[in-house]
Amino acid sequence: MPPARPFWKTTALADMTPAQWESLCDGCGRCCLHKLRFEDTGDLAFTNVACRLLDAQSCACRSYRDRREHVPDCVQLTPAALEGIDWLPPSCAYRRLAEGRDLAWWHPLVSGDPETVHRAGISVRGRIVSERGAGPLEHHIVEWPGRAPRARRPARPAHSMTMGEEK
């Protein structure tokens, strides 16, 4: 009997249970970076400045359940809200699934390991500054959060390579 297909391949985003929805977050922390929207053009700029609640090592919110009490403009991502948001990174599972793409190999639901997102270089770990000491956001504009990351696959042992593959 073939294995059951994973829920994200069989369930629409709007039909997911709260637990399924929450498990789609890969823990990269990219959505928790401050962004600038330029009034004159509407253009969006990403920064490397993290929300004060983001733990720089784990890339998780320190107060997820109560985050909106501490950061009132924190966006609660829902299937309905997803349609109007243009700032989710291209690596984001919510965005990928909404665009009809699958989860990436490094996503914890695929890899089975929550550290894969960090080892693959997808997360913000080691790349951010705290908002408390950052100064003007304009001094911290970066492009990498809004770009599709070039994930670093872990090296496979030589004995696992198949005939015809190159190292």
Foldseek 3Di string as FASTA:
>chain_A
DDDDDDPLVVDDQQRDDPVVNVLQFLLQLLVQFDWDQDPVPRDIFTFQEGEQQQDLARSDGVCVVCVCVVVVPDDDDGLVVVVVDDPQAPLRSSVCSVVVHHHDCQRCVNVVDSCSCVQQPNHSRPPHDYPVPDPDRVVGTDCVSRYDDPTDDDDDDPVVDDPPDDD
